[in-house]
């Protein structure tokens, strides 16, 4: 579970609120639903190094309170 200490404006849709706070929302899911892979290709011309961060799709619910929102994952 994660808590966002942000007030949702009364006229603001839930979708708009979540999109507006996307960066803070991602921080909730990094510890539980991410995978990092690293690929290295060594050739005579040089080295190609690629790191990929994958965020696994996660279903969640949002419970809006007066001055914060609780984020809970659904398993």
PDB file of N, CA and C in Angstrom:
ATOM      1  N   UNK A   1       0.843  -1.182   0.000  1.00  0.00           N
ATOM      2  CA  UNK A   1       0.000   0.000   0.000  1.00  0.00           C
ATOM      3  C   UNK A   1       0.887   1.244   0.000  1.00  0.00           C
ATOM      4  N   UNK A   2       0.363   2.303  -0.586  1.00  0.00           N
ATOM      5  CA  UNK A   2       1.082   3.564  -0.693  1.00  0.00           C
ATOM      6  C   UNK A   2       0.107   4.697  -0.375  1.00  0.00           C
ATOM      7  N   UNK A   3       0.620   5.765   0.193  1.00  0.00           N
ATOM      8  CA  UNK A   3      -0.222   6.915   0.531  1.00  0.00           C
ATOM      9  C   UNK A   3       0.324   8.143  -0.182  1.00  0.00           C
ATOM     10  N   UNK A   4      -0.528   8.820  -0.940  1.00  0.00           N
ATOM     11  CA  UNK A   4      -0.169  10.075  -1.597  1.00  0.00           C
ATOM     12  C   UNK A   4      -0.769  11.219  -0.785  1.00  0.00           C
ATOM     13  N   UNK A   5       0.077  12.061  -0.235  1.00  0.00           N
ATOM     14  CA  UNK A   5      -0.392  13.196   0.563  1.00  0.00           C
ATOM     15  C   UNK A   5      -0.704  14.383  -0.342  1.00  0.00           C
ATOM     16  N   UNK A   6      -1.699  14.195  -1.184  1.00  0.00           N
ATOM     17  CA  UNK A   6      -2.099  15.226  -2.140  1.00  0.00           C
ATOM     18  C   UNK A   6      -3.619  15.317  -2.112  1.00  0.00           C
ATOM     19  N   UNK A   7      -4.134  16.521  -2.126  1.00  0.00           N
ATOM     20  CA  UNK A   7      -5.581  16.722  -2.115  1.00  0.00           C
ATOM     21  C   UNK A   7      -6.119  16.686  -3.539  1.00  0.00           C
ATOM     22  N   UNK A   8      -7.159  15.872  -3.760  1.00  0.00           N
ATOM     23  CA  UNK A   8      -7.843  15.831  -5.061  1.00  0.00           C
ATOM     24  C   UNK A   8      -8.889  16.936  -5.066  1.00  0.00           C
ATOM     25  N   UNK A   9      -8.814  17.781  -6.073  1.00  0.00           N
ATOM     26  CA  UNK A   9      -9.788  18.867  -6.188  1.00  0.00           C
ATOM     27  C   UNK A   9     -11.162  18.284  -6.483  1.00  0.00           C
ATOM     28  N   UNK A  10     -12.192  18.924  -5.993  1.00  0.00           N
ATOM     29  CA  UNK A  10     -13.557  18.408  -6.098  1.00  0.00           C
ATOM     30  C   UNK A  10     -13.996  18.227  -7.552  1.00  0.00           C
ATOM     31  N   UNK A  11     -13.651  19.154  -8.427  1.00  0.00           N
ATOM     32  CA  UNK A  11     -14.057  19.105  -9.829  1.00  0.00           C
ATOM     33  C   UNK A  11     -13.163  18.211 -10.674  1.00  0.00           C
ATOM     34  N   UNK A  12     -12.054  17.738 -10.111  1.00  0.00           N
ATOM     35  CA  UNK A  12     -11.056  16.977 -10.864  1.00  0.00           C
ATOM     36  C   UNK A  12     -11.467  15.511 -10.971  1.00  0.00           C
ATOM     37  N   UNK A  13     -11.368  14.952 -12.167  1.00  0.00           N
ATOM     38  CA  UNK A  13     -11.693  13.536 -12.333  1.00  0.00           C
ATOM     39  C   UNK A  13     -10.581  12.677 -11.738  1.00  0.00           C
ATOM     40  N   UNK A  14     -10.922  11.436 -11.411  1.00  0.00           N
ATOM     41  CA  UNK A  14      -9.929  10.522 -10.848  1.00  0.00           C
ATOM     42  C   UNK A  14      -8.808  10.273 -11.848  1.00  0.00           C
ATOM     43  N   UNK A  15      -9.167  10.123 -13.110  1.00  0.00           N
ATOM     44  CA  UNK A  15      -8.168   9.874 -14.155  1.00  0.00           C
ATOM     45  C   UNK A  15      -7.196  11.052 -14.273  1.00  0.00           C
ATOM     46  N   UNK A  16      -7.716  12.261 -14.254  1.00  0.00           N
ATOM     47  CA  UNK A  16      -6.874  13.453 -14.340  1.00  0.00           C
ATOM     48  C   UNK A  16      -5.941  13.541 -13.127  1.00  0.00           C
ATOM     49  N   UNK A  17      -6.462  13.255 -11.944  1.00  0.00           N
ATOM     50  CA  UNK A  17      -5.649  13.284 -10.723  1.00  0.00           C
ATOM     51  C   UNK A  17      -4.489  12.296 -10.824  1.00  0.00           C
ATOM     52  N   UNK A  18      -4.772  11.064 -11.277  1.00  0.00           N
ATOM     53  CA  UNK A  18      -3.726  10.036 -11.382  1.00  0.00           C
ATOM     54  C   UNK A  18      -2.703  10.397 -12.452  1.00  0.00           C
ATOM     55  N   UNK A  19      -3.154  10.934 -13.586  1.00  0.00           N
ATOM     56  CA  UNK A  19      -2.219  11.357 -14.636  1.00  0.00           C
ATOM     57  C   UNK A  19      -1.342  12.522 -14.165  1.00  0.00           C
ATOM     58  N   UNK A  20      -1.930  13.438 -13.424  1.00  0.00           N
ATOM     59  CA  UNK A  20      -1.201  14.606 -12.935  1.00  0.00           C
ATOM     60  C   UNK A  20      -0.118  14.208 -11.924  1.00  0.00           C
ATOM     61  N   UNK A  21      -0.353  13.132 -11.185  1.00  0.00           N
ATOM     62  CA  UNK A  21       0.574  12.674 -10.154  1.00  0.00           C
ATOM     63  C   UNK A  21       1.251  11.363 -10.545  1.00  0.00           C
ATOM     64  N   UNK A  22       1.441  11.160 -11.846  1.00  0.00           N
ATOM     65  CA  UNK A  22       1.992   9.915 -12.383  1.00  0.00           C
ATOM     66  C   UNK A  22       3.351   9.571 -11.785  1.00  0.00           C
ATOM     67  N   UNK A  23       4.236  10.549 -11.668  1.00  0.00           N
ATOM     68  CA  UNK A  23       5.575  10.312 -11.121  1.00  0.00           C
ATOM     69  C   UNK A  23       5.531   9.799  -9.695  1.00  0.00           C
ATOM     70  N   UNK A  24       4.683  10.396  -8.858  1.00  0.00           N
ATOM     71  CA  UNK A  24       4.561   9.968  -7.469  1.00  0.00           C
ATOM     72  C   UNK A  24       3.912   8.589  -7.388  1.00  0.00           C
ATOM     73  N   UNK A  25       3.002   8.317  -8.303  1.00  0.00           N
ATOM     74  CA  UNK A  25       2.329   7.020  -8.342  1.00  0.00           C
ATOM     75  C   UNK A  25       3.311   5.912  -8.720  1.00  0.00           C
ATOM     76  N   UNK A  26       4.218   6.204  -9.647  1.00  0.00           N
ATOM     77  CA  UNK A  26       5.225   5.215 -10.047  1.00  0.00           C
ATOM     78  C   UNK A  26       6.098   4.800  -8.873  1.00  0.00           C
ATOM     79  N   UNK A  27       6.429   5.732  -8.003  1.00  0.00           N
ATOM     80  CA  UNK A  27       7.258   5.428  -6.843  1.00  0.00           C
ATOM     81  C   UNK A  27       6.623   4.362  -5.961  1.00  0.00           C
ATOM     82  N   UNK A  28       5.292   4.265  -5.970  1.00  0.00           N
ATOM     83  CA  UNK A  28       4.598   3.247  -5.176  1.00  0.00           C
ATOM     84  C   UNK A  28       4.842   1.842  -5.737  1.00  0.00           C
ATOM     85  N   UNK A  29       4.997   1.741  -7.051  1.00  0.00           N
ATOM     86  CA  UNK A  29       5.068   0.434  -7.691  1.00  0.00           C
ATOM     87  C   UNK A  29       6.490  -0.035  -7.992  1.00  0.00           C
ATOM     88  N   UNK A  30       7.486   0.837  -7.915  1.00  0.00           N
ATOM     89  CA  UNK A  30       8.868   0.428  -8.184  1.00  0.00           C
ATOM     90  C   UNK A  30       9.309  -0.771  -7.338  1.00  0.00           C
ATOM     91  N   UNK A  31       9.076  -0.767  -6.023  1.00  0.00           N
ATOM     92  CA  UNK A  31       9.586  -1.878  -5.216  1.00  0.00           C
ATOM     93  C   UNK A  31       8.920  -3.228  -5.512  1.00  0.00           C
ATOM     94  N   UNK A  32       7.685  -3.235  -5.990  1.00  0.00           N
ATOM     95  CA  UNK A  32       6.982  -4.505  -6.109  1.00  0.00           C
ATOM     96  C   UNK A  32       6.745  -4.998  -7.530  1.00  0.00           C
ATOM     97  N   UNK A  33       6.877  -4.168  -8.531  1.00  0.00           N
ATOM     98  CA  UNK A  33       6.489  -4.636  -9.868  1.00  0.00           C
ATOM     99  C   UNK A  33       7.434  -4.153 -10.961  1.00  0.00           C
ATOM    100  N   UNK A  34       8.733  -4.213 -10.703  1.00  0.00           N
ATOM    101  CA  UNK A  34       9.687  -3.810 -11.723  1.00  0.00           C
ATOM    102  C   UNK A  34      10.708  -4.916 -11.965  1.00  0.00           C
ATOM    103  N   UNK A  35      11.265  -4.895 -13.149  1.00  0.00           N
ATOM    104  CA  UNK A  35      12.306  -5.852 -13.520  1.00  0.00           C
ATOM    105  C   UNK A  35      13.335  -5.093 -14.342  1.00  0.00           C
ATOM    106  N   UNK A  36      14.609  -5.275 -14.012  1.00  0.00           N
ATOM    107  CA  UNK A  36      15.687  -4.612 -14.749  1.00  0.00           C
ATOM    108  C   UNK A  36      16.527  -5.683 -15.429  1.00  0.00           C
ATOM    109  N   UNK A  37      16.745  -5.514 -16.739  1.00  0.00           N
ATOM    110  CA  UNK A  37      17.611  -6.425 -17.484  1.00  0.00           C
ATOM    111  C   UNK A  37      18.698  -5.612 -18.169  1.00  0.00           C
ATOM    112  N   UNK A  38      19.868  -6.201 -18.261  1.00  0.00           N
ATOM    113  CA  UNK A  38      21.005  -5.530 -18.879  1.00  0.00           C
ATOM    114  C   UNK A  38      21.530  -6.417 -20.004  1.00  0.00           C
ATOM    115  N   UNK A  39      21.749  -5.834 -21.185  1.00  0.00           N
ATOM    116  CA  UNK A  39      22.265  -6.546 -22.345  1.00  0.00           C
ATOM    117  C   UNK A  39      23.555  -5.861 -22.791  1.00  0.00           C
ATOM    118  N   UNK A  40      24.631  -6.638 -22.924  1.00  0.00           N
ATOM    119  CA  UNK A  40      25.907  -6.101 -23.379  1.00  0.00           C
ATOM    120  C   UNK A  40      26.363  -6.868 -24.609  1.00  0.00           C
ATOM    121  N   UNK A  41      26.719  -6.143 -25.657  1.00  0.00           N
ATOM    122  CA  UNK A  41      27.215  -6.727 -26.897  1.00  0.00           C
ATOM    123  C   UNK A  41      28.604  -6.156 -27.155  1.00  0.00           C
ATOM    124  N   UNK A  42      29.598  -7.053 -27.182  1.00  0.00           N
ATOM    125  CA  UNK A  42      30.982  -6.628 -27.397  1.00  0.00           C
ATOM    126  C   UNK A  42      31.397  -7.038 -28.808  1.00  0.00           C
ATOM    127  N   UNK A  43      31.789  -6.041 -29.595  1.00  0.00           N
ATOM    128  CA  UNK A  43      32.248  -6.273 -30.966  1.00  0.00           C
ATOM    129  C   UNK A  43      33.600  -5.584 -31.146  1.00  0.00           C
ATOM    130  N   UNK A  44      34.202  -5.807 -32.290  1.00  0.00           N
ATOM    131  CA  UNK A  44      35.491  -5.156 -32.562  1.00  0.00           C
ATOM    132  C   UNK A  44      35.336  -3.640 -32.667  1.00  0.00           C
ATOM    133  N   UNK A  45      34.156  -3.174 -33.067  1.00  0.00           N
ATOM    134  CA  UNK A  45      33.906  -1.735 -33.203  1.00  0.00           C
ATOM    135  C   UNK A  45      33.702  -1.049 -31.856  1.00  0.00           C
ATOM    136  N   UNK A  46      33.331  -1.811 -30.856  1.00  0.00           N
ATOM    137  CA  UNK A  46      33.081  -1.210 -29.553  1.00  0.00           C
ATOM    138  C   UNK A  46      32.095  -2.036 -28.754  1.00  0.00           C
ATOM    139  N   UNK A  47      31.547  -1.414 -27.728  1.00  0.00           N
ATOM    140  CA  UNK A  47      30.621  -2.085 -26.819  1.00  0.00           C
ATOM    141  C   UNK A  47      29.271  -1.386 -26.893  1.00  0.00           C
ATOM    142  N   UNK A  48      28.227  -2.188 -26.980  1.00  0.00           N
ATOM    143  CA  UNK A  48      26.864  -1.656 -26.922  1.00  0.00           C
ATOM    144  C   UNK A  48      26.253  -2.189 -25.626  1.00  0.00           C
ATOM    145  N   UNK A  49      25.851  -1.281 -24.752  1.00  0.00           N
ATOM    146  CA  UNK A  49      25.279  -1.656 -23.461  1.00  0.00           C
ATOM    147  C   UNK A  49      23.875  -1.080 -23.376  1.00  0.00           C
ATOM    148  N   UNK A  50      22.917  -1.933 -23.041  1.00  0.00           N
ATOM    149  CA  UNK A  50      21.518  -1.485 -22.975  1.00  0.00           C
ATOM    150  C   UNK A  50      20.902  -1.999 -21.677  1.00  0.00           C
ATOM    151  N   UNK A  51      20.305  -1.114 -20.930  1.00  0.00           N
ATOM    152  CA  UNK A  51      19.601  -1.475 -19.703  1.00  0.00           C
ATOM    153  C   UNK A  51      18.124  -1.161 -19.899  1.00  0.00           C
ATOM    154  N   UNK A  52      17.269  -2.121 -19.554  1.00  0.00           N
ATOM    155  CA  UNK A  52      15.830  -1.973 -19.752  1.00  0.00           C
ATOM    156  C   UNK A  52      15.125  -2.088 -18.401  1.00  0.00           C
ATOM    157  N   UNK A  53      14.315  -1.089 -18.076  1.00  0.00           N
ATOM    158  CA  UNK A  53      13.471  -1.117 -16.881  1.00  0.00           C
ATOM    159  C   UNK A  53      12.060  -1.447 -17.335  1.00  0.00           C
ATOM    160  N   UNK A  54      11.514  -2.557 -16.839  1.00  0.00           N
ATOM    161  CA  UNK A  54      10.161  -2.970 -17.194  1.00  0.00           C
ATOM    162  C   UNK A  54       9.273  -2.836 -15.967  1.00  0.00           C
ATOM    163  N   UNK A  55       8.180  -2.124 -16.120  1.00  0.00           N
ATOM    164  CA  UNK A  55       7.195  -2.007 -15.045  1.00  0.00           C
ATOM    165  C   UNK A  55       6.062  -2.956 -15.404  1.00  0.00           C
ATOM    166  N   UNK A  56       5.905  -3.988 -14.595  1.00  0.00           N
ATOM    167  CA  UNK A  56       4.914  -5.035 -14.852  1.00  0.00           C
ATOM    168  C   UNK A  56       3.525  -4.457 -14.588  1.00  0.00           C
ATOM    169  N   UNK A  57       2.560  -4.696 -15.495  1.00  0.00           N
ATOM    170  CA  UNK A  57       1.202  -4.176 -15.279  1.00  0.00           C
ATOM    171  C   UNK A  57       0.635  -4.635 -13.928  1.00  0.00           C
ATOM    172  N   UNK A  58       0.081  -3.702 -13.204  1.00  0.00           N
ATOM    173  CA  UNK A  58      -0.437  -3.972 -11.866  1.00  0.00           C
ATOM    174  C   UNK A  58      -1.818  -3.340 -11.727  1.00  0.00           C
ATOM    175  N   UNK A  59      -2.771  -4.126 -11.249  1.00  0.00           N
ATOM    176  CA  UNK A  59      -4.102  -3.573 -10.972  1.00  0.00           C
ATOM    177  C   UNK A  59      -4.089  -2.985  -9.564  1.00  0.00           C
ATOM    178  N   UNK A  60      -4.743  -1.828  -9.416  1.00  0.00           N
ATOM    179  CA  UNK A  60      -4.769  -1.180  -8.109  1.00  0.00           C
ATOM    180  C   UNK A  60      -6.068  -0.415  -7.929  1.00  0.00           C
ATOM    181  N   UNK A  61      -6.365  -0.096  -6.675  1.00  0.00           N
ATOM    182  CA  UNK A  61      -7.525   0.731  -6.348  1.00  0.00           C
ATOM    183  C   UNK A  61      -7.029   2.006  -5.669  1.00  0.00           C
ATOM    184  N   UNK A  62      -7.825   3.041  -5.784  1.00  0.00           N
ATOM    185  CA  UNK A  62      -7.508   4.316  -5.140  1.00  0.00           C
ATOM    186  C   UNK A  62      -8.678   4.688  -4.235  1.00  0.00           C
ATOM    187  N   UNK A  63      -8.381   4.944  -2.972  1.00  0.00           N
ATOM    188  CA  UNK A  63      -9.387   5.355  -1.996  1.00  0.00           C
ATOM    189  C   UNK A  63      -9.084   6.801  -1.621  1.00  0.00           C
ATOM    190  N   UNK A  64      -9.906   7.738  -2.104  1.00  0.00           N
ATOM    191  CA  UNK A  64      -9.677   9.159  -1.851  1.00  0.00           C
ATOM    192  C   UNK A  64     -10.237   9.549  -0.492  1.00  0.00           C
ATOM    193  N   UNK A  65      -9.406  10.212   0.298  1.00  0.00           N
ATOM    194  CA  UNK A  65      -9.823  10.781   1.585  1.00  0.00           C
ATOM    195  C   UNK A  65      -9.796  12.302   1.429  1.00  0.00           C
ATOM    196  N   UNK A  66     -10.030  13.037   2.517  1.00  0.00           N
ATOM    197  CA  UNK A  66     -10.085  14.498   2.435  1.00  0.00           C
ATOM    198  C   UNK A  66      -8.770  15.116   1.960  1.00  0.00           C
ATOM    199  N   UNK A  67      -7.632  14.664   2.511  1.00  0.00           N
ATOM    200  CA  UNK A  67      -6.371  15.309   2.190  1.00  0.00           C
ATOM    201  C   UNK A  67      -5.285  14.331   1.718  1.00  0.00           C
ATOM    202  N   UNK A  68      -5.680  13.115   1.323  1.00  0.00           N
ATOM    203  CA  UNK A  68      -4.707  12.155   0.793  1.00  0.00           C
ATOM    204  C   UNK A  68      -5.458  11.057   0.011  1.00  0.00           C
ATOM    205  N   UNK A  69      -4.695  10.200  -0.626  1.00  0.00           N
ATOM    206  CA  UNK A  69      -5.273   9.064  -1.364  1.00  0.00           C
ATOM    207  C   UNK A  69      -4.479   7.810  -1.004  1.00  0.00           C
ATOM    208  N   UNK A  70      -5.175   6.719  -0.719  1.00  0.00           N
ATOM    209  CA  UNK A  70      -4.549   5.433  -0.447  1.00  0.00           C
ATOM    210  C   UNK A  70      -4.551   4.610  -1.726  1.00  0.00           C
ATOM    211  N   UNK A  71      -3.398   4.042  -2.058  1.00  0.00           N
ATOM    212  CA  UNK A  71      -3.250   3.195  -3.237  1.00  0.00           C
ATOM    213  C   UNK A  71      -3.050   1.767  -2.746  1.00  0.00           C
ATOM    214  N   UNK A  72      -3.897   0.843  -3.208  1.00  0.00           N
ATOM    215  CA  UNK A  72      -3.773  -0.565  -2.822  1.00  0.00           C
ATOM    216  C   UNK A  72      -3.723  -1.413  -4.086  1.00  0.00           C
ATOM    217  N   UNK A  73      -2.832  -2.402  -4.075  1.00  0.00           N
ATOM    218  CA  UNK A  73      -2.748  -3.308  -5.231  1.00  0.00           C
ATOM    219  C   UNK A  73      -3.765  -4.432  -5.072  1.00  0.00           C
ATOM    220  N   UNK A  74      -4.223  -4.930  -6.213  1.00  0.00           N
ATOM    221  CA  UNK A  74      -5.151  -6.056  -6.260  1.00  0.00           C
ATOM    222  C   UNK A  74      -4.364  -7.259  -6.750  1.00  0.00           C
ATOM    223  N   UNK A  75      -4.410  -8.342  -6.027  1.00  0.00           N
ATOM    224  CA  UNK A  75      -3.669  -9.533  -6.443  1.00  0.00           C
ATOM    225  C   UNK A  75      -4.577 -10.561  -7.038  1.00  0.00           C
TER     226      UNK A  75
END
